[in-house]
C-alpha atoms as a PDB file:
ATOM      1  CA  UNK A   1       0.259   0.044   0.068  1.00  0.00           C
ATOM      2  CA  UNK A   2       1.590   3.190  -1.136  1.00  0.00           C
ATOM      3  CA  UNK A   3       2.048   6.093   1.115  1.00  0.00           C
ATOM      4  CA  UNK A   4      -1.768   7.882   0.864  1.00  0.00           C
ATOM      5  CA  UNK A   5      -0.120  11.135   0.013  1.00  0.00           C
ATOM      6  CA  UNK A   6       1.076   9.799  -3.406  1.00  0.00           C
ATOM      7  CA  UNK A   7      -2.482   8.168  -4.302  1.00  0.00           C
ATOM      8  CA  UNK A   8      -3.384  11.594  -6.141  1.00  0.00           C
ATOM      9  CA  UNK A   9      -0.216  12.097  -8.354  1.00  0.00           C
ATOM     10  CA  UNK A  10       0.329   8.545  -9.073  1.00  0.00           C
ATOM     11  CA  UNK A  11      -3.168   8.294 -10.633  1.00  0.00           C
ATOM     12  CA  UNK A  12      -2.739  11.408 -12.469  1.00  0.00           C
ATOM     13  CA  UNK A  13       0.455   9.933 -14.053  1.00  0.00           C
ATOM     14  CA  UNK A  14      -1.127   6.840 -14.774  1.00  0.00           C
ATOM     15  CA  UNK A  15      -4.233   8.627 -15.991  1.00  0.00           C
ATOM     16  CA  UNK A  16      -6.917   6.615 -13.334  1.00  0.00           C
ATOM     17  CA  UNK A  17      -9.106   7.598 -10.613  1.00  0.00           C
ATOM     18  CA  UNK A  18      -8.278   6.675  -7.021  1.00  0.00           C
ATOM     19  CA  UNK A  19     -11.108   4.261  -7.082  1.00  0.00           C
ATOM     20  CA  UNK A  20      -9.449   2.342  -9.659  1.00  0.00           C
ATOM     21  CA  UNK A  21      -5.997   2.495  -8.632  1.00  0.00           C
ATOM     22  CA  UNK A  22      -7.540   0.647  -5.635  1.00  0.00           C
ATOM     23  CA  UNK A  23      -9.764  -1.688  -7.424  1.00  0.00           C
ATOM     24  CA  UNK A  24      -6.482  -2.757  -9.231  1.00  0.00           C
ATOM     25  CA  UNK A  25      -8.275  -2.681 -12.732  1.00  0.00           C
ATOM     26  CA  UNK A  26     -10.243  -0.311 -15.081  1.00  0.00           C
ATOM     27  CA  UNK A  27     -13.742   0.213 -13.805  1.00  0.00           C
ATOM     28  CA  UNK A  28     -16.945   0.561 -16.148  1.00  0.00           C
ATOM     29  CA  UNK A  29     -19.178   3.246 -15.508  1.00  0.00           C
ATOM     30  CA  UNK A  30     -21.897   0.707 -14.056  1.00  0.00           C
ATOM     31  CA  UNK A  31     -19.447  -0.473 -11.783  1.00  0.00           C
ATOM     32  CA  UNK A  32     -17.833   2.363 -10.469  1.00  0.00           C
ATOM     33  CA  UNK A  33     -20.234   3.032  -7.306  1.00  0.00           C
ATOM     34  CA  UNK A  34     -20.238  -0.570  -6.258  1.00  0.00           C
ATOM     35  CA  UNK A  35     -16.277  -0.836  -6.366  1.00  0.00           C
ATOM     36  CA  UNK A  36     -16.055   2.672  -4.555  1.00  0.00           C
ATOM     37  CA  UNK A  37     -18.234   1.098  -1.764  1.00  0.00           C
ATOM     38  CA  UNK A  38     -16.087  -1.986  -1.773  1.00  0.00           C
ATOM     39  CA  UNK A  39     -12.906   0.212  -1.750  1.00  0.00           C
ATOM     40  CA  UNK A  40     -14.224   2.010   0.977  1.00  0.00           C
ATOM     41  CA  UNK A  41     -14.989  -0.865   3.162  1.00  0.00           C
ATOM     42  CA  UNK A  42     -11.594  -2.295   2.473  1.00  0.00           C
ATOM     43  CA  UNK A  43      -9.563   1.064   3.335  1.00  0.00           C
ATOM     44  CA  UNK A  44     -11.639   1.428   6.842  1.00  0.00           C
ATOM     45  CA  UNK A  45     -11.165  -2.247   7.488  1.00  0.00           C
ATOM     46  CA  UNK A  46      -7.213  -1.787   7.088  1.00  0.00           C
ATOM     47  CA  UNK A  47      -7.185   1.397   8.826  1.00  0.00           C
ATOM     48  CA  UNK A  48      -8.988  -0.263  11.800  1.00  0.00           C
ATOM     49  CA  UNK A  49      -6.732  -3.028  11.657  1.00  0.00           C
ATOM     50  CA  UNK A  50      -3.661  -0.590  11.755  1.00  0.00           C
ATOM     51  CA  UNK A  51      -4.935   1.166  14.806  1.00  0.00           C
ATOM     52  CA  UNK A  52      -5.800  -1.916  16.419  1.00  0.00           C
ATOM     53  CA  UNK A  53      -2.254  -3.318  16.157  1.00  0.00           C
ATOM     54  CA  UNK A  54      -0.613   0.002  17.385  1.00  0.00           C
ATOM     55  CA  UNK A  55      -3.002   0.051  20.207  1.00  0.00           C
ATOM     56  CA  UNK A  56      -2.317  -3.374  21.391  1.00  0.00           C
ATOM     57  CA  UNK A  57       1.482  -2.448  20.979  1.00  0.00           C
ATOM     58  CA  UNK A  58       1.167   0.574  22.992  1.00  0.00           C
ATOM     59  CA  UNK A  59      -1.069  -1.473  25.539  1.00  0.00           C
ATOM     60  CA  UNK A  60       1.688  -3.847  25.842  1.00  0.00           C
ATOM     61  CA  UNK A  61       4.368  -1.173  26.338  1.00  0.00           C
ATOM     62  CA  UNK A  62       2.465   0.674  28.925  1.00  0.00           C
ATOM     63  CA  UNK A  63       1.346  -2.571  30.923  1.00  0.00           C
ATOM     64  CA  UNK A  64       5.033  -3.978  31.290  1.00  0.00           C
ATOM     65  CA  UNK A  65       6.514  -0.880  31.658  1.00  0.00           C
ATOM     66  CA  UNK A  66       4.132  -0.061  34.679  1.00  0.00           C
ATOM     67  CA  UNK A  67       4.970  -3.784  36.143  1.00  0.00           C
ATOM     68  CA  UNK A  68       8.582  -2.681  35.881  1.00  0.00           C
ATOM     69  CA  UNK A  69       8.167   0.367  37.932  1.00  0.00           C
ATOM     70  CA  UNK A  70       6.175  -1.808  40.486  1.00  0.00           C
ATOM     71  CA  UNK A  71       8.956  -4.159  40.860  1.00  0.00           C
ATOM     72  CA  UNK A  72      11.851  -1.576  40.793  1.00  0.00           C
ATOM     73  CA  UNK A  73      10.169   0.455  43.766  1.00  0.00           C
ATOM     74  CA  UNK A  74       9.773  -2.783  45.653  1.00  0.00           C
ATOM     75  CA  UNK A  75      13.647  -4.109  45.000  1.00  0.00           C
ATOM     76  CA  UNK A  76      15.489  -0.508  45.201  1.00  0.00           C
ATOM     77  CA  UNK A  77      13.879   1.557  47.953  1.00  0.00           C
ATOM     78  CA  UNK A  78      14.143   0.403  51.603  1.00  0.00           C
ATOM     79  CA  UNK A  79      10.950  -0.775  52.827  1.00  0.00           C
ATOM     80  CA  UNK A  80      10.062   1.838  55.259  1.00  0.00           C
ATOM     81  CA  UNK A  81      10.568   4.546  52.456  1.00  0.00           C
ATOM     82  CA  UNK A  82       7.407   6.388  51.654  1.00  0.00           C
ATOM     83  CA  UNK A  83       8.852   6.743  47.480  1.00  0.00           C
ATOM     84  CA  UNK A  84       8.322   2.614  47.531  1.00  0.00           C
ATOM     85  CA  UNK A  85       4.494   2.586  47.946  1.00  0.00           C
ATOM     86  CA  UNK A  86       4.213   5.805  45.736  1.00  0.00           C
ATOM     87  CA  UNK A  87       6.238   4.308  42.957  1.00  0.00           C
ATOM     88  CA  UNK A  88       4.656   1.172  43.301  1.00  0.00           C
ATOM     89  CA  UNK A  89       1.075   2.901  42.945  1.00  0.00           C
ATOM     90  CA  UNK A  90       2.074   4.842  39.984  1.00  0.00           C
ATOM     91  CA  UNK A  91       3.457   1.778  38.279  1.00  0.00           C
ATOM     92  CA  UNK A  92       0.164   0.105  39.033  1.00  0.00           C
ATOM     93  CA  UNK A  93      -1.696   3.198  37.392  1.00  0.00           C
ATOM     94  CA  UNK A  94       0.412   2.993  34.205  1.00  0.00           C
ATOM     95  CA  UNK A  95      -0.192  -0.507  33.709  1.00  0.00           C
ATOM     96  CA  UNK A  96      -3.608   0.051  34.026  1.00  0.00           C
ATOM     97  CA  UNK A  97      -3.504   2.320  31.371  1.00  0.00           C
ATOM     98  CA  UNK A  98      -1.654  -0.341  29.192  1.00  0.00           C
ATOM     99  CA  UNK A  99      -4.800  -2.712  30.143  1.00  0.00           C
ATOM    100  CA  UNK A 100      -7.201  -0.326  28.987  1.00  0.00           C
ATOM    101  CA  UNK A 101      -5.889  -0.194  25.573  1.00  0.00           C
ATOM    102  CA  UNK A 102      -7.090  -3.902  25.298  1.00  0.00           C
ATOM    103  CA  UNK A 103     -10.447  -3.164  26.431  1.00  0.00           C
ATOM    104  CA  UNK A 104     -11.642  -0.709  23.941  1.00  0.00           C
ATOM    105  CA  UNK A 105     -13.793  -3.007  22.345  1.00  0.00           C
ATOM    106  CA  UNK A 106     -16.074  -3.563  25.013  1.00  0.00           C
ATOM    107  CA  UNK A 107     -18.911  -1.281  26.466  1.00  0.00           C
ATOM    108  CA  UNK A 108     -18.284   1.509  28.840  1.00  0.00           C
ATOM    109  CA  UNK A 109     -19.653  -0.237  32.002  1.00  0.00           C
ATOM    110  CA  UNK A 110     -18.014  -3.326  30.931  1.00  0.00           C
ATOM    111  CA  UNK A 111     -14.470  -1.646  30.637  1.00  0.00           C
ATOM    112  CA  UNK A 112     -15.071   0.152  34.307  1.00  0.00           C
ATOM    113  CA  UNK A 113     -15.742  -3.064  35.719  1.00  0.00           C
ATOM    114  CA  UNK A 114     -12.828  -4.798  34.231  1.00  0.00           C
ATOM    115  CA  UNK A 115     -10.588  -1.741  35.080  1.00  0.00           C
ATOM    116  CA  UNK A 116     -11.538  -1.631  38.285  1.00  0.00           C
ATOM    117  CA  UNK A 117     -11.450  -5.563  39.231  1.00  0.00           C
ATOM    118  CA  UNK A 118      -7.837  -5.455  37.565  1.00  0.00           C
ATOM    119  CA  UNK A 119      -6.739  -2.779  39.602  1.00  0.00           C
ATOM    120  CA  UNK A 120      -8.120  -4.077  42.941  1.00  0.00           C
ATOM    121  CA  UNK A 121      -6.281  -7.482  42.248  1.00  0.00           C
ATOM    122  CA  UNK A 122      -3.067  -5.804  41.565  1.00  0.00           C
ATOM    123  CA  UNK A 123      -3.266  -3.957  44.790  1.00  0.00           C
ATOM    124  CA  UNK A 124      -4.577  -7.045  46.880  1.00  0.00           C
ATOM    125  CA  UNK A 125      -1.525  -8.799  45.443  1.00  0.00           C
ATOM    126  CA  UNK A 126       1.037  -6.278  46.416  1.00  0.00           C
ATOM    127  CA  UNK A 127      -0.578  -5.876  49.990  1.00  0.00           C
ATOM    128  CA  UNK A 128      -0.247  -9.872  50.276  1.00  0.00           C
ATOM    129  CA  UNK A 129       3.706  -9.868  48.812  1.00  0.00           C
ATOM    130  CA  UNK A 130       4.143  -6.954  51.336  1.00  0.00           C
ATOM    131  CA  UNK A 131       2.884  -8.994  54.211  1.00  0.00           C
ATOM    132  CA  UNK A 132       4.917 -12.032  53.313  1.00  0.00           C
ATOM    133  CA  UNK A 133       8.029 -10.127  53.119  1.00  0.00           C
ATOM    134  CA  UNK A 134       7.465  -8.462  56.403  1.00  0.00           C
ATOM    135  CA  UNK A 135       6.582 -11.830  58.024  1.00  0.00           C
ATOM    136  CA  UNK A 136       9.802 -13.575  56.461  1.00  0.00           C
ATOM    137  CA  UNK A 137      12.125 -10.987  56.253  1.00  0.00           C
ATOM    138  CA  UNK A 138      11.263  -8.942  59.471  1.00  0.00           C
ATOM    139  CA  UNK A 139      11.196  -5.388  58.041  1.00  0.00           C
ATOM    140  CA  UNK A 140       8.573  -2.476  57.924  1.00  0.00           C
ATOM    141  CA  UNK A 141       5.533  -2.988  55.716  1.00  0.00           C
ATOM    142  CA  UNK A 142       5.687  -0.795  52.561  1.00  0.00           C
ATOM    143  CA  UNK A 143       2.069  -0.093  52.386  1.00  0.00           C
ATOM    144  CA  UNK A 144       1.368   1.318  55.732  1.00  0.00           C
ATOM    145  CA  UNK A 145      -0.726   4.442  55.894  1.00  0.00           C
ATOM    146  CA  UNK A 146       0.015   5.681  59.236  1.00  0.00           C
ATOM    147  CA  UNK A 147       3.746   5.834  60.857  1.00  0.00           C
ATOM    148  CA  UNK A 148       4.401   6.958  64.645  1.00  0.00           C
ATOM    149  CA  UNK A 149       7.816   7.437  66.107  1.00  0.00           C
ATOM    150  CA  UNK A 150       8.914   6.995  69.520  1.00  0.00           C
ATOM    151  CA  UNK A 151      12.184   7.088  71.521  1.00  0.00           C
ATOM    152  CA  UNK A 152      12.285   3.434  71.114  1.00  0.00           C
ATOM    153  CA  UNK A 153       9.708   2.280  68.865  1.00  0.00           C
ATOM    154  CA  UNK A 154       8.476   2.875  65.410  1.00  0.00           C
ATOM    155  CA  UNK A 155       4.747   1.993  64.796  1.00  0.00           C
ATOM    156  CA  UNK A 156       3.667   1.186  61.289  1.00  0.00           C
ATOM    157  CA  UNK A 157      -0.163   0.821  60.788  1.00  0.00           C
ATOM    158  CA  UNK A 158      -1.146  -1.285  57.419  1.00  0.00           C
ATOM    159  CA  UNK A 159      -4.422  -2.719  56.027  1.00  0.00           C
ATOM    160  CA  UNK A 160      -5.198  -5.491  58.820  1.00  0.00           C
ATOM    161  CA  UNK A 161      -2.079  -5.457  61.018  1.00  0.00           C
ATOM    162  CA  UNK A 162       0.387  -3.445  62.428  1.00  0.00           C
ATOM    163  CA  UNK A 163       4.185  -3.705  62.833  1.00  0.00           C
ATOM    164  CA  UNK A 164       6.295  -2.483  65.579  1.00  0.00           C
ATOM    165  CA  UNK A 165       9.985  -1.753  65.008  1.00  0.00           C
ATOM    166  CA  UNK A 166      11.907  -1.612  68.229  1.00  0.00           C
ATOM    167  CA  UNK A 167      15.411  -0.496  68.979  1.00  0.00           C
ATOM    168  CA  UNK A 168      15.300   1.122  65.523  1.00  0.00           C
ATOM    169  CA  UNK A 169      18.693   1.517  63.674  1.00  0.00           C
ATOM    170  CA  UNK A 170      20.586  -0.374  66.232  1.00  0.00           C
ATOM    171  CA  UNK A 171      22.402  -3.862  66.344  1.00  0.00           C
ATOM    172  CA  UNK A 172      19.403  -5.119  68.486  1.00  0.00           C
ATOM    173  CA  UNK A 173      16.596  -3.768  66.175  1.00  0.00           C
ATOM    174  CA  UNK A 174      13.876  -6.399  66.097  1.00  0.00           C
ATOM    175  CA  UNK A 175      10.123  -6.370  64.716  1.00  0.00           C
ATOM    176  CA  UNK A 176       6.676  -7.354  66.243  1.00  0.00           C
ATOM    177  CA  UNK A 177       4.366  -8.243  63.670  1.00  0.00           C
ATOM    178  CA  UNK A 178       0.711  -7.783  65.634  1.00  0.00           C
ATOM    179  CA  UNK A 179      -1.972  -9.033  63.086  1.00  0.00           C
ATOM    180  CA  UNK A 180      -4.525  -9.770  66.099  1.00  0.00           C
ATOM    181  CA  UNK A 181      -4.303  -6.170  67.350  1.00  0.00           C
ATOM    182  CA  UNK A 182      -2.872  -7.400  70.611  1.00  0.00           C
ATOM    183  CA  UNK A 183      -0.756  -4.677  71.616  1.00  0.00           C
ATOM    184  CA  UNK A 184      -0.605  -1.057  72.307  1.00  0.00           C
ATOM    185  CA  UNK A 185       2.471   1.481  72.679  1.00  0.00           C
ATOM    186  CA  UNK A 186       1.912   0.521  76.532  1.00  0.00           C
ATOM    187  CA  UNK A 187       1.936  -3.276  76.316  1.00  0.00           C
ATOM    188  CA  UNK A 188       4.067  -4.375  73.389  1.00  0.00           C
ATOM    189  CA  UNK A 189       7.078  -6.297  74.563  1.00  0.00           C
ATOM    190  CA  UNK A 190       9.993  -4.403  75.234  1.00  0.00           C
ATOM    191  CA  UNK A 191      13.807  -5.441  75.343  1.00  0.00           C
ATOM    192  CA  UNK A 192      17.148  -3.863  75.318  1.00  0.00           C
ATOM    193  CA  UNK A 193      18.056  -6.913  73.006  1.00  0.00           C
ATOM    194  CA  UNK A 194      17.164  -8.250  69.600  1.00  0.00           C
ATOM    195  CA  UNK A 195      14.231 -10.128  70.986  1.00  0.00           C
ATOM    196  CA  UNK A 196      13.757 -12.084  67.858  1.00  0.00           C
ATOM    197  CA  UNK A 197      17.144 -13.581  68.454  1.00  0.00           C
ATOM    198  CA  UNK A 198      17.676 -13.543  72.098  1.00  0.00           C
ATOM    199  CA  UNK A 199      14.256 -14.163  73.456  1.00  0.00           C
ATOM    200  CA  UNK A 200      13.271 -17.289  75.566  1.00  0.00           C
ATOM    201  CA  UNK A 201      11.238 -18.655  72.672  1.00  0.00           C
ATOM    202  CA  UNK A 202      14.222 -18.973  70.507  1.00  0.00           C
ATOM    203  CA  UNK A 203      16.679 -19.804  73.266  1.00  0.00           C
ATOM    204  CA  UNK A 204      14.788 -22.457  74.793  1.00  0.00           C
ATOM    205  CA  UNK A 205      15.744 -24.430  71.399  1.00  0.00           C
ATOM    206  CA  UNK A 206      19.333 -24.814  72.636  1.00  0.00           C
ATOM    207  CA  UNK A 207      18.533 -26.205  76.044  1.00  0.00           C
ATOM    208  CA  UNK A 208      20.783 -29.063  77.034  1.00  0.00           C
ATOM    209  CA  UNK A 209      21.175 -31.326  79.893  1.00  0.00           C
ATOM    210  CA  UNK A 210      24.964 -31.087  80.409  1.00  0.00           C
ATOM    211  CA  UNK A 211      27.903 -28.642  79.411  1.00  0.00           C
ATOM    212  CA  UNK A 212      29.708 -31.342  77.167  1.00  0.00           C
ATOM    213  CA  UNK A 213      27.108 -30.664  74.214  1.00  0.00           C
ATOM    214  CA  UNK A 214      29.483 -28.019  72.758  1.00  0.00           C
ATOM    215  CA  UNK A 215      27.672 -27.502  69.313  1.00  0.00           C
ATOM    216  CA  UNK A 216      24.355 -26.651  71.580  1.00  0.00           C
ATOM    217  CA  UNK A 217      26.587 -24.422  74.411  1.00  0.00           C
ATOM    218  CA  UNK A 218      27.991 -22.498  71.155  1.00  0.00           C
ATOM    219  CA  UNK A 219      24.819 -22.055  69.514  1.00  0.00           C
ATOM    220  CA  UNK A 220      23.029 -20.667  72.947  1.00  0.00           C
ATOM    221  CA  UNK A 221      25.961 -18.299  73.515  1.00  0.00           C
ATOM    222  CA  UNK A 222      25.713 -16.993  69.775  1.00  0.00           C
ATOM    223  CA  UNK A 223      22.337 -16.313  70.013  1.00  0.00           C
ATOM    224  CA  UNK A 224      22.484 -14.359  73.593  1.00  0.00           C
ATOM    225  CA  UNK A 225      23.537 -10.567  73.794  1.00  0.00           C
ATOM    226  CA  UNK A 226      26.798  -9.101  73.273  1.00  0.00           C
ATOM    227  CA  UNK A 227      27.494 -12.252  70.812  1.00  0.00           C
ATOM    228  CA  UNK A 228      27.312  -9.450  67.969  1.00  0.00           C
ATOM    229  CA  UNK A 229      30.340  -8.076  68.998  1.00  0.00           C
ATOM    230  CA  UNK A 230      32.247 -11.562  68.468  1.00  0.00           C
ATOM    231  CA  UNK A 231      33.397 -14.289  71.415  1.00  0.00           C
ATOM    232  CA  UNK A 232      35.686 -17.208  71.789  1.00  0.00           C
ATOM    233  CA  UNK A 233      34.063 -19.887  73.807  1.00  0.00           C
ATOM    234  CA  UNK A 234      36.002 -22.009  76.298  1.00  0.00           C
ATOM    235  CA  UNK A 235      34.304 -24.814  77.880  1.00  0.00           C
ATOM    236  CA  UNK A 236      35.828 -27.061  81.188  1.00  0.00           C
ATOM    237  CA  UNK A 237      33.659 -30.012  81.344  1.00  0.00           C
ATOM    238  CA  UNK A 238      35.462 -31.329  84.373  1.00  0.00           C
ATOM    239  CA  UNK A 239      35.223 -28.021  86.478  1.00  0.00           C
ATOM    240  CA  UNK A 240      31.678 -27.477  84.600  1.00  0.00           C
ATOM    241  CA  UNK A 241      32.572 -24.024  83.821  1.00  0.00           C
ATOM    242  CA  UNK A 242      32.317 -21.851  80.680  1.00  0.00           C
ATOM    243  CA  UNK A 243      34.499 -18.943  79.810  1.00  0.00           C
ATOM    244  CA  UNK A 244      33.356 -16.415  77.215  1.00  0.00           C
ATOM    245  CA  UNK A 245      36.167 -14.208  75.800  1.00  0.00           C
ATOM    246  CA  UNK A 246      34.241 -11.190  74.184  1.00  0.00           C
ATOM    247  CA  UNK A 247      36.040  -8.947  71.267  1.00  0.00           C
ATOM    248  CA  UNK A 248      35.452  -5.847  72.494  1.00  0.00           C
ATOM    249  CA  UNK A 249      36.384  -3.797  75.818  1.00  0.00           C
ATOM    250  CA  UNK A 250      33.665  -3.480  78.766  1.00  0.00           C
ATOM    251  CA  UNK A 251      33.210   0.565  78.787  1.00  0.00           C
ATOM    252  CA  UNK A 252      32.761   0.675  74.880  1.00  0.00           C
ATOM    253  CA  UNK A 253      29.214  -1.209  75.368  1.00  0.00           C
ATOM    254  CA  UNK A 254      28.069   0.529  78.614  1.00  0.00           C
ATOM    255  CA  UNK A 255      25.632   2.851  77.211  1.00  0.00           C
ATOM    256  CA  UNK A 256      22.314   2.795  79.220  1.00  0.00           C
ATOM    257  CA  UNK A 257      23.847  -0.075  81.433  1.00  0.00           C
ATOM    258  CA  UNK A 258      23.887  -2.301  78.196  1.00  0.00           C
ATOM    259  CA  UNK A 259      27.011  -4.492  79.558  1.00  0.00           C
ATOM    260  CA  UNK A 260      25.396  -4.951  83.129  1.00  0.00           C
ATOM    261  CA  UNK A 261      21.877  -5.872  81.446  1.00  0.00           C
ATOM    262  CA  UNK A 262      23.753  -8.294  79.233  1.00  0.00           C
ATOM    263  CA  UNK A 263      25.555 -10.057  81.660  1.00  0.00           C
ATOM    264  CA  UNK A 264      22.595 -10.692  83.981  1.00  0.00           C
ATOM    265  CA  UNK A 265      20.619 -11.696  81.136  1.00  0.00           C
ATOM    266  CA  UNK A 266      23.053 -14.054  79.956  1.00  0.00           C
ATOM    267  CA  UNK A 267      23.972 -15.547  83.185  1.00  0.00           C
ATOM    268  CA  UNK A 268      20.213 -16.205  84.119  1.00  0.00           C
ATOM    269  CA  UNK A 269      19.635 -17.848  80.905  1.00  0.00           C
ATOM    270  CA  UNK A 270      22.714 -20.027  80.619  1.00  0.00           C
ATOM    271  CA  UNK A 271      21.857 -21.367  84.173  1.00  0.00           C
ATOM    272  CA  UNK A 272      18.375 -22.143  83.416  1.00  0.00           C
ATOM    273  CA  UNK A 273      19.068 -23.750  79.788  1.00  0.00           C
ATOM    274  CA  UNK A 274      22.576 -25.899  80.791  1.00  0.00           C
ATOM    275  CA  UNK A 275      21.492 -27.938  83.762  1.00  0.00           C
ATOM    276  CA  UNK A 276      24.890 -28.664  84.969  1.00  0.00           C
ATOM    277  CA  UNK A 277      26.908 -25.507  84.306  1.00  0.00           C
ATOM    278  CA  UNK A 278      28.425 -24.126  87.792  1.00  0.00           C
ATOM    279  CA  UNK A 279      30.353 -21.315  87.106  1.00  0.00           C
ATOM    280  CA  UNK A 280      30.569 -18.759  84.133  1.00  0.00           C
ATOM    281  CA  UNK A 281      33.528 -16.273  83.408  1.00  0.00           C
ATOM    282  CA  UNK A 282      32.829 -13.100  81.308  1.00  0.00           C
ATOM    283  CA  UNK A 283      36.217 -12.003  79.893  1.00  0.00           C
ATOM    284  CA  UNK A 284      36.805  -8.234  78.293  1.00  0.00           C
ATOM    285  CA  UNK A 285      39.938  -6.696  77.004  1.00  0.00           C
ATOM    286  CA  UNK A 286      41.666  -6.937  80.563  1.00  0.00           C
ATOM    287  CA  UNK A 287      38.742  -7.175  82.574  1.00  0.00           C
ATOM    288  CA  UNK A 288      36.662 -10.225  83.836  1.00  0.00           C
ATOM    289  CA  UNK A 289      33.603 -11.008  85.782  1.00  0.00           C
ATOM    290  CA  UNK A 290      32.546 -14.509  87.140  1.00  0.00           C
ATOM    291  CA  UNK A 291      29.299 -15.696  88.584  1.00  0.00           C
ATOM    292  CA  UNK A 292      28.213 -18.778  90.203  1.00  0.00           C
ATOM    293  CA  UNK A 293      24.954 -20.867  89.749  1.00  0.00           C
ATOM    294  CA  UNK A 294      24.728 -20.727  93.647  1.00  0.00           C
ATOM    295  CA  UNK A 295      24.676 -16.937  93.668  1.00  0.00           C
ATOM    296  CA  UNK A 296      21.865 -16.784  90.890  1.00  0.00           C
ATOM    297  CA  UNK A 297      19.776 -19.452  92.541  1.00  0.00           C
ATOM    298  CA  UNK A 298      19.956 -17.348  95.906  1.00  0.00           C
ATOM    299  CA  UNK A 299      20.453 -13.705  94.958  1.00  0.00           C
ATOM    300  CA  UNK A 300      18.314 -13.329  91.581  1.00  0.00           C
ATOM    301  CA  UNK A 301      15.013 -12.187  92.439  1.00  0.00           C
ATOM    302  CA  UNK A 302      12.185 -14.876  91.598  1.00  0.00           C
ATOM    303  CA  UNK A 303      14.594 -17.264  90.162  1.00  0.00           C
ATOM    304  CA  UNK A 304      12.827 -20.282  91.771  1.00  0.00           C
ATOM    305  CA  UNK A 305       9.310 -18.899  90.093  1.00  0.00           C
ATOM    306  CA  UNK A 306      10.934 -19.239  86.783  1.00  0.00           C
ATOM    307  CA  UNK A 307      12.212 -22.677  86.813  1.00  0.00           C
ATOM    308  CA  UNK A 308       9.464 -23.981  89.012  1.00  0.00           C
ATOM    309  CA  UNK A 309       9.456 -27.790  87.882  1.00  0.00           C
ATOM    310  CA  UNK A 310      10.061 -26.765  84.338  1.00  0.00           C
ATOM    311  CA  UNK A 311      11.043 -23.400  82.614  1.00  0.00           C
ATOM    312  CA  UNK A 312       8.141 -21.031  82.222  1.00  0.00           C
ATOM    313  CA  UNK A 313       8.687 -18.518  79.249  1.00  0.00           C
ATOM    314  CA  UNK A 314       6.127 -16.622  80.288  1.00  0.00           C
ATOM    315  CA  UNK A 315       7.658 -16.018  83.888  1.00  0.00           C
ATOM    316  CA  UNK A 316      11.252 -15.580  82.361  1.00  0.00           C
ATOM    317  CA  UNK A 317       9.686 -12.755  80.458  1.00  0.00           C
ATOM    318  CA  UNK A 318       8.181 -11.188  83.523  1.00  0.00           C
ATOM    319  CA  UNK A 319      11.054 -11.751  85.913  1.00  0.00           C
ATOM    320  CA  UNK A 320      14.036 -11.167  83.376  1.00  0.00           C
ATOM    321  CA  UNK A 321      13.264  -9.916  80.039  1.00  0.00           C
ATOM    322  CA  UNK A 322      11.129  -7.032  81.174  1.00  0.00           C
ATOM    323  CA  UNK A 323      13.420  -6.371  84.477  1.00  0.00           C
ATOM    324  CA  UNK A 324      16.135  -5.383  82.151  1.00  0.00           C
ATOM    325  CA  UNK A 325      14.255  -2.188  81.280  1.00  0.00           C
ATOM    326  CA  UNK A 326      14.280  -1.276  85.123  1.00  0.00           C
ATOM    327  CA  UNK A 327      17.625   0.618  85.455  1.00  0.00           C
ATOM    328  CA  UNK A 328      17.432   0.512  89.447  1.00  0.00           C
ATOM    329  CA  UNK A 329      16.697  -3.324  89.341  1.00  0.00           C
ATOM    330  CA  UNK A 330      19.936  -3.703  87.177  1.00  0.00           C
ATOM    331  CA  UNK A 331      22.047  -1.828  89.075  1.00  0.00           C
ATOM    332  CA  UNK A 332      21.123  -3.544  92.440  1.00  0.00           C
ATOM    333  CA  UNK A 333      21.023  -7.067  90.897  1.00  0.00           C
ATOM    334  CA  UNK A 334      24.036  -6.557  89.220  1.00  0.00           C
ATOM    335  CA  UNK A 335      26.075  -5.346  92.489  1.00  0.00           C
ATOM    336  CA  UNK A 336      24.813  -8.347  94.307  1.00  0.00           C
ATOM    337  CA  UNK A 337      25.766 -10.978  91.712  1.00  0.00           C
ATOM    338  CA  UNK A 338      28.834  -9.932  90.751  1.00  0.00           C
ATOM    339  CA  UNK A 339      30.595  -7.466  93.469  1.00  0.00           C
END
């Protein structure tokens, strides 16, 4: 098919009409109107076909480009960045425009229904993927509609659930995903340590009856506070003692009584979870602290209630984890046990 602008000069040179050019033959007078109608219909069909092809190509480009923006927004921006959700929604809108190019043949109401359904399904999929990512990657939700920042906690309100980010921007940052709205700012469990790693619900997996179980004991120490700075573990099975050499000085980590809190928490946890250990030595660069089972059992408040017949996770949280937020308790108890 030659360019449309060439039709008239071409016909003038050939001494024919445009109708005859499109027909591909000389026309008799009685055939002229019939062929004119046929050629018009063919031209309209060809034009529609060309427009449809171009429309589908544009729709495909917009559809995939929009999805690419969504994937890029999720992969590049950090979870708690507002740009992540903004670009994801923008990409969804561009993708929707692409989809609209494929639905022009439908009636107005069908197109509206299809567009709303597509956008709604895409949003639901993004929210589900975001929730799965929050659960498995322990991160802030991308599609939160409310954010509140406190001294120790950031609260993210997302559709159908909320997330508490505790000890944010520290080595002990952890998340609590509250899908049942169980907690408030006053009741959410707070710990100076990474609760996901050092909480009793995780530590109890490394409970053992004897000190000689090196791999189990090493895994337990690795999940306790202070392990984030590196350590070397020595086990004396004969004297039933543990020596933990931490690769850091004691004063460097003592902001907000972190050293005292960690040594108290670690001591109680080890004596509760390793049945036959009698003595623990905590060594730092030139400074060491020692503690015995007898001291902990007699001087740590409510130790007997924590291990009444069997270890109680609820009582551990009540008498150990929560107490680490009480600086007066930490100061007095540390003085009784280590000095």
